[in-house]
């Protein structure tokens, strides 16, 4: 099959004449084409496989909506789902009109989490690159000058969102922040805003403790202590 160019894909996004799948998330209804969404998303490819799930037989999937303070395991943001579908059709997700009300970093983080959830590896990688670029610049600014309340609160809010919405094993977005705190700028652990962020996110606190412990006690020393305790 000939690969569709962006202009053709974008035209298909606007014309649902030959759409064969309906995606519903909250009040948002998207008439899409399986050949397009399944090529981009591992989740939709599996869901739409004949005879496996309702999506394959009914040509419709209803995605639950995430509550305001809920996790992405609970559901999704309709606006972010819309932006992800736009991306399937060659529309730049980062310019999607559906997310203009969100802060840039918050939007990129939600896109990363949602793209990862639905198996869109290309979009997740694109969002990750954008996030790391923004957060590194912000951390560099905090390190270079006097304590910046806005930057500290902004980073704290972001890392809290990351910890709430990504699996414990997924360190993709967390590692830079953790390295910055424990290796590059440990004095930031005394920053009152950073301390408040740690208090509000127990999993972040545990990751920091683990990294500081490994820094103070090399892994082989820790393992030796465990072996001694077991004997």
C-alpha atoms as a PDB file:
ATOM      1  CA  UNK A   1       0.000   0.000   0.000  1.00  0.00           C
ATOM      2  CA  UNK A   2       1.276   3.421  -0.919  1.00  0.00           C
ATOM      3  CA  UNK A   3       2.233   5.477   2.133  1.00  0.00           C
ATOM      4  CA  UNK A   4      -0.037   8.474   2.596  1.00  0.00           C
ATOM      5  CA  UNK A   5       1.570  11.891   2.739  1.00  0.00           C
ATOM      6  CA  UNK A   6       0.700  14.464   5.404  1.00  0.00           C
ATOM      7  CA  UNK A   7      -1.583  16.461   3.128  1.00  0.00           C
ATOM      8  CA  UNK A   8      -3.667  13.368   2.365  1.00  0.00           C
ATOM      9  CA  UNK A   9      -3.758  12.322   6.022  1.00  0.00           C
ATOM     10  CA  UNK A  10      -4.851  15.786   7.124  1.00  0.00           C
ATOM     11  CA  UNK A  11      -7.613  15.748   4.521  1.00  0.00           C
ATOM     12  CA  UNK A  12      -8.817  12.388   5.853  1.00  0.00           C
ATOM     13  CA  UNK A  13      -8.935  13.829   9.390  1.00  0.00           C
ATOM     14  CA  UNK A  14     -11.498  16.364   8.186  1.00  0.00           C
ATOM     15  CA  UNK A  15     -13.477  13.949   6.000  1.00  0.00           C
ATOM     16  CA  UNK A  16     -15.040  10.966   7.787  1.00  0.00           C
ATOM     17  CA  UNK A  17     -16.821   9.590   4.690  1.00  0.00           C
ATOM     18  CA  UNK A  18     -14.788   6.382   4.699  1.00  0.00           C
ATOM     19  CA  UNK A  19     -14.062   6.250   8.445  1.00  0.00           C
ATOM     20  CA  UNK A  20     -14.495   2.784   9.938  1.00  0.00           C
ATOM     21  CA  UNK A  21     -13.878   3.357  13.663  1.00  0.00           C
ATOM     22  CA  UNK A  22     -15.403   5.728  16.207  1.00  0.00           C
ATOM     23  CA  UNK A  23     -13.359   6.821  19.227  1.00  0.00           C
ATOM     24  CA  UNK A  24     -15.314   8.441  22.051  1.00  0.00           C
ATOM     25  CA  UNK A  25     -13.737  10.175  25.047  1.00  0.00           C
ATOM     26  CA  UNK A  26     -16.118  12.249  27.124  1.00  0.00           C
ATOM     27  CA  UNK A  27     -18.063  14.547  24.818  1.00  0.00           C
ATOM     28  CA  UNK A  28     -15.471  14.223  22.059  1.00  0.00           C
ATOM     29  CA  UNK A  29     -16.337  11.888  19.194  1.00  0.00           C
ATOM     30  CA  UNK A  30     -13.757  11.072  16.524  1.00  0.00           C
ATOM     31  CA  UNK A  31     -14.575   9.237  13.291  1.00  0.00           C
ATOM     32  CA  UNK A  32     -11.269   7.751  12.232  1.00  0.00           C
ATOM     33  CA  UNK A  33      -9.727   5.178   9.921  1.00  0.00           C
ATOM     34  CA  UNK A  34      -8.383   1.943  11.372  1.00  0.00           C
ATOM     35  CA  UNK A  35      -5.581   1.772   8.839  1.00  0.00           C
ATOM     36  CA  UNK A  36      -4.302   5.113  10.146  1.00  0.00           C
ATOM     37  CA  UNK A  37      -4.703   4.766  13.913  1.00  0.00           C
ATOM     38  CA  UNK A  38      -3.638   1.111  14.052  1.00  0.00           C
ATOM     39  CA  UNK A  39      -0.430   1.886  12.165  1.00  0.00           C
ATOM     40  CA  UNK A  40       0.525   4.435  14.832  1.00  0.00           C
ATOM     41  CA  UNK A  41      -0.811   2.815  18.009  1.00  0.00           C
ATOM     42  CA  UNK A  42      -0.047  -0.682  19.270  1.00  0.00           C
ATOM     43  CA  UNK A  43      -3.059  -0.436  21.609  1.00  0.00           C
ATOM     44  CA  UNK A  44      -5.529   0.301  18.811  1.00  0.00           C
ATOM     45  CA  UNK A  45      -3.924  -2.324  16.575  1.00  0.00           C
ATOM     46  CA  UNK A  46      -4.588  -5.001  19.204  1.00  0.00           C
ATOM     47  CA  UNK A  47      -8.035  -3.679  20.128  1.00  0.00           C
ATOM     48  CA  UNK A  48      -9.203  -3.610  16.511  1.00  0.00           C
ATOM     49  CA  UNK A  49      -7.888  -7.050  15.567  1.00  0.00           C
ATOM     50  CA  UNK A  50     -10.801  -9.194  14.295  1.00  0.00           C
ATOM     51  CA  UNK A  51     -12.411 -11.399  16.930  1.00  0.00           C
ATOM     52  CA  UNK A  52     -10.392 -10.164  19.902  1.00  0.00           C
ATOM     53  CA  UNK A  53     -12.227  -7.223  21.456  1.00  0.00           C
ATOM     54  CA  UNK A  54     -15.457  -5.292  21.022  1.00  0.00           C
ATOM     55  CA  UNK A  55     -13.627  -2.628  19.015  1.00  0.00           C
ATOM     56  CA  UNK A  56     -12.977  -5.164  16.275  1.00  0.00           C
ATOM     57  CA  UNK A  57     -16.631  -6.172  15.978  1.00  0.00           C
ATOM     58  CA  UNK A  58     -18.469  -2.963  16.845  1.00  0.00           C
ATOM     59  CA  UNK A  59     -16.075  -0.467  15.224  1.00  0.00           C
ATOM     60  CA  UNK A  60     -16.352   1.740  18.299  1.00  0.00           C
ATOM     61  CA  UNK A  61     -14.219   2.309  21.387  1.00  0.00           C
ATOM     62  CA  UNK A  62     -15.173   4.384  24.409  1.00  0.00           C
ATOM     63  CA  UNK A  63     -12.241   5.704  26.423  1.00  0.00           C
ATOM     64  CA  UNK A  64     -13.085   6.624  30.041  1.00  0.00           C
ATOM     65  CA  UNK A  65     -12.464  10.208  31.087  1.00  0.00           C
ATOM     66  CA  UNK A  66      -9.918  10.936  33.797  1.00  0.00           C
ATOM     67  CA  UNK A  67     -11.230  12.944  36.749  1.00  0.00           C
ATOM     68  CA  UNK A  68      -9.548  16.281  37.455  1.00  0.00           C
ATOM     69  CA  UNK A  69      -7.094  14.874  40.003  1.00  0.00           C
ATOM     70  CA  UNK A  70      -7.232  11.250  38.860  1.00  0.00           C
ATOM     71  CA  UNK A  71      -4.489   9.135  37.337  1.00  0.00           C
ATOM     72  CA  UNK A  72      -4.142   8.074  33.731  1.00  0.00           C
ATOM     73  CA  UNK A  73      -4.820   4.492  34.795  1.00  0.00           C
ATOM     74  CA  UNK A  74      -8.347   5.722  35.545  1.00  0.00           C
ATOM     75  CA  UNK A  75      -8.949   7.448  32.218  1.00  0.00           C
ATOM     76  CA  UNK A  76      -7.817  10.049  29.715  1.00  0.00           C
ATOM     77  CA  UNK A  77      -8.064  13.766  28.979  1.00  0.00           C
ATOM     78  CA  UNK A  78     -10.365  14.264  25.959  1.00  0.00           C
ATOM     79  CA  UNK A  79      -8.238  17.188  24.742  1.00  0.00           C
ATOM     80  CA  UNK A  80      -5.049  15.128  24.857  1.00  0.00           C
ATOM     81  CA  UNK A  81      -6.726  12.191  23.084  1.00  0.00           C
ATOM     82  CA  UNK A  82      -7.793  14.655  20.376  1.00  0.00           C
ATOM     83  CA  UNK A  83      -4.224  15.919  20.033  1.00  0.00           C
ATOM     84  CA  UNK A  84      -2.885  12.359  19.827  1.00  0.00           C
ATOM     85  CA  UNK A  85      -5.361  11.499  17.059  1.00  0.00           C
ATOM     86  CA  UNK A  86      -4.378  14.703  15.244  1.00  0.00           C
ATOM     87  CA  UNK A  87      -0.812  13.391  15.304  1.00  0.00           C
ATOM     88  CA  UNK A  88      -1.930  10.131  13.656  1.00  0.00           C
ATOM     89  CA  UNK A  89      -3.142  12.270  10.764  1.00  0.00           C
ATOM     90  CA  UNK A  90       0.040  14.261  10.330  1.00  0.00           C
ATOM     91  CA  UNK A  91      -1.121  17.317  12.278  1.00  0.00           C
ATOM     92  CA  UNK A  92       1.603  18.638  14.578  1.00  0.00           C
ATOM     93  CA  UNK A  93       0.413  17.629  18.042  1.00  0.00           C
ATOM     94  CA  UNK A  94       2.378  20.424  19.640  1.00  0.00           C
ATOM     95  CA  UNK A  95       0.326  22.977  17.698  1.00  0.00           C
ATOM     96  CA  UNK A  96      -3.009  21.235  18.182  1.00  0.00           C
ATOM     97  CA  UNK A  97      -5.819  23.731  18.890  1.00  0.00           C
ATOM     98  CA  UNK A  98      -7.296  21.329  21.461  1.00  0.00           C
ATOM     99  CA  UNK A  99      -4.577  22.015  24.022  1.00  0.00           C
ATOM    100  CA  UNK A 100      -3.994  25.749  23.808  1.00  0.00           C
ATOM    101  CA  UNK A 101      -5.272  26.225  27.344  1.00  0.00           C
ATOM    102  CA  UNK A 102      -2.631  23.963  28.900  1.00  0.00           C
ATOM    103  CA  UNK A 103       0.838  24.986  30.032  1.00  0.00           C
ATOM    104  CA  UNK A 104       3.523  23.741  27.653  1.00  0.00           C
ATOM    105  CA  UNK A 105       5.295  21.385  30.053  1.00  0.00           C
ATOM    106  CA  UNK A 106       2.042  20.011  31.468  1.00  0.00           C
ATOM    107  CA  UNK A 107       0.772  19.348  27.954  1.00  0.00           C
ATOM    108  CA  UNK A 108       3.975  17.602  26.856  1.00  0.00           C
ATOM    109  CA  UNK A 109       3.867  15.433  29.977  1.00  0.00           C
ATOM    110  CA  UNK A 110       0.252  14.439  29.371  1.00  0.00           C
ATOM    111  CA  UNK A 111       1.064  13.668  25.754  1.00  0.00           C
ATOM    112  CA  UNK A 112       4.013  11.485  26.836  1.00  0.00           C
ATOM    113  CA  UNK A 113       1.917   9.539  29.358  1.00  0.00           C
ATOM    114  CA  UNK A 114      -0.993   9.074  26.937  1.00  0.00           C
ATOM    115  CA  UNK A 115       1.178   8.157  23.945  1.00  0.00           C
ATOM    116  CA  UNK A 116       3.064   5.629  26.076  1.00  0.00           C
ATOM    117  CA  UNK A 117      -0.221   4.190  27.348  1.00  0.00           C
ATOM    118  CA  UNK A 118      -1.527   3.653  23.810  1.00  0.00           C
ATOM    119  CA  UNK A 119       1.732   2.365  22.385  1.00  0.00           C
ATOM    120  CA  UNK A 120       2.559   5.321  20.147  1.00  0.00           C
ATOM    121  CA  UNK A 121       6.332   5.127  20.517  1.00  0.00           C
ATOM    122  CA  UNK A 122       7.163   7.896  18.048  1.00  0.00           C
ATOM    123  CA  UNK A 123       4.945  10.477  19.748  1.00  0.00           C
ATOM    124  CA  UNK A 124       6.126   9.428  23.221  1.00  0.00           C
ATOM    125  CA  UNK A 125       9.755   9.884  22.132  1.00  0.00           C
ATOM    126  CA  UNK A 126       8.989  13.287  20.609  1.00  0.00           C
ATOM    127  CA  UNK A 127       7.262  14.448  23.807  1.00  0.00           C
ATOM    128  CA  UNK A 128      10.094  13.090  25.966  1.00  0.00           C
ATOM    129  CA  UNK A 129      12.694  15.045  23.978  1.00  0.00           C
ATOM    130  CA  UNK A 130      10.679  18.255  24.348  1.00  0.00           C
ATOM    131  CA  UNK A 131      10.178  17.716  28.098  1.00  0.00           C
ATOM    132  CA  UNK A 132      13.847  17.036  28.799  1.00  0.00           C
ATOM    133  CA  UNK A 133      14.887  20.120  26.836  1.00  0.00           C
ATOM    134  CA  UNK A 134      12.518  22.381  28.795  1.00  0.00           C
ATOM    135  CA  UNK A 135      13.249  20.953  32.250  1.00  0.00           C
ATOM    136  CA  UNK A 136      17.024  21.009  31.763  1.00  0.00           C
ATOM    137  CA  UNK A 137      16.901  24.685  30.832  1.00  0.00           C
ATOM    138  CA  UNK A 138      14.775  25.382  33.891  1.00  0.00           C
ATOM    139  CA  UNK A 139      17.099  23.465  36.218  1.00  0.00           C
ATOM    140  CA  UNK A 140      20.114  25.263  34.758  1.00  0.00           C
ATOM    141  CA  UNK A 141      18.466  28.631  35.422  1.00  0.00           C
ATOM    142  CA  UNK A 142      17.756  27.675  39.033  1.00  0.00           C
ATOM    143  CA  UNK A 143      21.338  26.540  39.529  1.00  0.00           C
ATOM    144  CA  UNK A 144      22.911  29.580  37.872  1.00  0.00           C
ATOM    145  CA  UNK A 145      21.139  32.292  39.854  1.00  0.00           C
ATOM    146  CA  UNK A 146      19.475  32.996  43.196  1.00  0.00           C
ATOM    147  CA  UNK A 147      16.528  30.763  44.215  1.00  0.00           C
ATOM    148  CA  UNK A 148      13.685  31.367  41.791  1.00  0.00           C
ATOM    149  CA  UNK A 149      10.297  30.783  43.408  1.00  0.00           C
ATOM    150  CA  UNK A 150       8.416  30.490  40.120  1.00  0.00           C
ATOM    151  CA  UNK A 151      10.897  28.001  38.641  1.00  0.00           C
ATOM    152  CA  UNK A 152      10.959  25.929  41.841  1.00  0.00           C
ATOM    153  CA  UNK A 153       7.166  25.751  42.058  1.00  0.00           C
ATOM    154  CA  UNK A 154       6.878  25.027  38.351  1.00  0.00           C
ATOM    155  CA  UNK A 155       9.380  22.169  38.475  1.00  0.00           C
ATOM    156  CA  UNK A 156       7.816  20.834  41.665  1.00  0.00           C
ATOM    157  CA  UNK A 157       4.356  20.806  40.118  1.00  0.00           C
ATOM    158  CA  UNK A 158       5.713  19.069  37.028  1.00  0.00           C
ATOM    159  CA  UNK A 159       7.645  16.308  38.827  1.00  0.00           C
ATOM    160  CA  UNK A 160       4.607  15.694  41.036  1.00  0.00           C
ATOM    161  CA  UNK A 161       2.490  15.201  37.917  1.00  0.00           C
ATOM    162  CA  UNK A 162       5.085  12.820  36.501  1.00  0.00           C
ATOM    163  CA  UNK A 163       5.137  10.697  39.667  1.00  0.00           C
ATOM    164  CA  UNK A 164       1.341  10.584  39.856  1.00  0.00           C
ATOM    165  CA  UNK A 165       0.873   9.532  36.263  1.00  0.00           C
ATOM    166  CA  UNK A 166       3.745   7.231  35.302  1.00  0.00           C
ATOM    167  CA  UNK A 167       4.401   3.688  36.441  1.00  0.00           C
ATOM    168  CA  UNK A 168       6.928   3.207  39.237  1.00  0.00           C
ATOM    169  CA  UNK A 169       9.341   1.398  36.927  1.00  0.00           C
ATOM    170  CA  UNK A 170       9.198   4.134  34.276  1.00  0.00           C
ATOM    171  CA  UNK A 171      12.163   6.386  35.080  1.00  0.00           C
ATOM    172  CA  UNK A 172      12.243   8.061  31.658  1.00  0.00           C
ATOM    173  CA  UNK A 173      11.146  11.507  32.841  1.00  0.00           C
ATOM    174  CA  UNK A 174      12.193  11.175  36.473  1.00  0.00           C
ATOM    175  CA  UNK A 175      15.892  10.435  36.062  1.00  0.00           C
ATOM    176  CA  UNK A 176      17.054  13.923  35.046  1.00  0.00           C
ATOM    177  CA  UNK A 177      15.324  15.554  38.018  1.00  0.00           C
ATOM    178  CA  UNK A 178      16.686  12.923  40.416  1.00  0.00           C
ATOM    179  CA  UNK A 179      20.240  13.272  39.076  1.00  0.00           C
ATOM    180  CA  UNK A 180      20.002  17.048  39.337  1.00  0.00           C
ATOM    181  CA  UNK A 181      18.956  16.837  42.993  1.00  0.00           C
ATOM    182  CA  UNK A 182      21.255  14.079  44.180  1.00  0.00           C
ATOM    183  CA  UNK A 183      24.365  14.453  42.004  1.00  0.00           C
ATOM    184  CA  UNK A 184      24.594  17.827  40.276  1.00  0.00           C
ATOM    185  CA  UNK A 185      23.012  20.220  42.779  1.00  0.00           C
ATOM    186  CA  UNK A 186      22.489  18.446  46.140  1.00  0.00           C
ATOM    187  CA  UNK A 187      22.236  21.841  47.864  1.00  0.00           C
ATOM    188  CA  UNK A 188      18.821  22.168  46.218  1.00  0.00           C
ATOM    189  CA  UNK A 189      17.623  19.572  48.736  1.00  0.00           C
ATOM    190  CA  UNK A 190      17.667  22.457  51.224  1.00  0.00           C
ATOM    191  CA  UNK A 191      15.444  24.633  49.035  1.00  0.00           C
ATOM    192  CA  UNK A 192      12.120  25.029  50.866  1.00  0.00           C
ATOM    193  CA  UNK A 193      10.095  24.607  47.675  1.00  0.00           C
ATOM    194  CA  UNK A 194      11.967  21.449  46.716  1.00  0.00           C
ATOM    195  CA  UNK A 195      11.470  20.101  50.249  1.00  0.00           C
ATOM    196  CA  UNK A 196       7.735  20.766  49.974  1.00  0.00           C
ATOM    197  CA  UNK A 197       7.613  18.910  46.657  1.00  0.00           C
ATOM    198  CA  UNK A 198       9.353  15.907  48.231  1.00  0.00           C
ATOM    199  CA  UNK A 199       6.918  15.903  51.170  1.00  0.00           C
ATOM    200  CA  UNK A 200       3.974  15.805  48.789  1.00  0.00           C
ATOM    201  CA  UNK A 201       5.369  12.900  46.733  1.00  0.00           C
ATOM    202  CA  UNK A 202       6.458   9.902  48.859  1.00  0.00           C
ATOM    203  CA  UNK A 203       7.625   7.923  45.830  1.00  0.00           C
ATOM    204  CA  UNK A 204       9.947  10.783  44.885  1.00  0.00           C
ATOM    205  CA  UNK A 205      11.281  10.788  48.450  1.00  0.00           C
ATOM    206  CA  UNK A 206      12.012   7.048  48.258  1.00  0.00           C
ATOM    207  CA  UNK A 207      13.831   7.410  44.932  1.00  0.00           C
ATOM    208  CA  UNK A 208      15.976  10.216  46.371  1.00  0.00           C
ATOM    209  CA  UNK A 209      16.807   8.125  49.458  1.00  0.00           C
ATOM    210  CA  UNK A 210      17.752   5.172  47.244  1.00  0.00           C
ATOM    211  CA  UNK A 211      20.063   7.268  45.066  1.00  0.00           C
ATOM    212  CA  UNK A 212      21.717   8.947  48.059  1.00  0.00           C
ATOM    213  CA  UNK A 213      22.197   5.566  49.731  1.00  0.00           C
ATOM    214  CA  UNK A 214      23.793   4.114  46.605  1.00  0.00           C
ATOM    215  CA  UNK A 215      26.029   7.180  46.362  1.00  0.00           C
ATOM    216  CA  UNK A 216      27.178   6.798  49.973  1.00  0.00           C
ATOM    217  CA  UNK A 217      27.400   3.008  49.871  1.00  0.00           C
ATOM    218  CA  UNK A 218      28.435   1.431  46.566  1.00  0.00           C
ATOM    219  CA  UNK A 219      26.135  -1.338  45.391  1.00  0.00           C
ATOM    220  CA  UNK A 220      28.664  -4.072  46.179  1.00  0.00           C
ATOM    221  CA  UNK A 221      28.881  -2.858  49.797  1.00  0.00           C
ATOM    222  CA  UNK A 222      25.098  -2.865  50.121  1.00  0.00           C
ATOM    223  CA  UNK A 223      24.889  -6.355  48.631  1.00  0.00           C
ATOM    224  CA  UNK A 224      27.590  -7.599  51.008  1.00  0.00           C
ATOM    225  CA  UNK A 225      25.661  -6.207  53.968  1.00  0.00           C
ATOM    226  CA  UNK A 226      22.512  -7.975  52.796  1.00  0.00           C
ATOM    227  CA  UNK A 227      24.346 -11.272  52.381  1.00  0.00           C
ATOM    228  CA  UNK A 228      25.822 -10.933  55.867  1.00  0.00           C
ATOM    229  CA  UNK A 229      22.378 -10.223  57.311  1.00  0.00           C
ATOM    230  CA  UNK A 230      20.930 -13.301  55.601  1.00  0.00           C
ATOM    231  CA  UNK A 231      23.601 -15.669  56.971  1.00  0.00           C
END
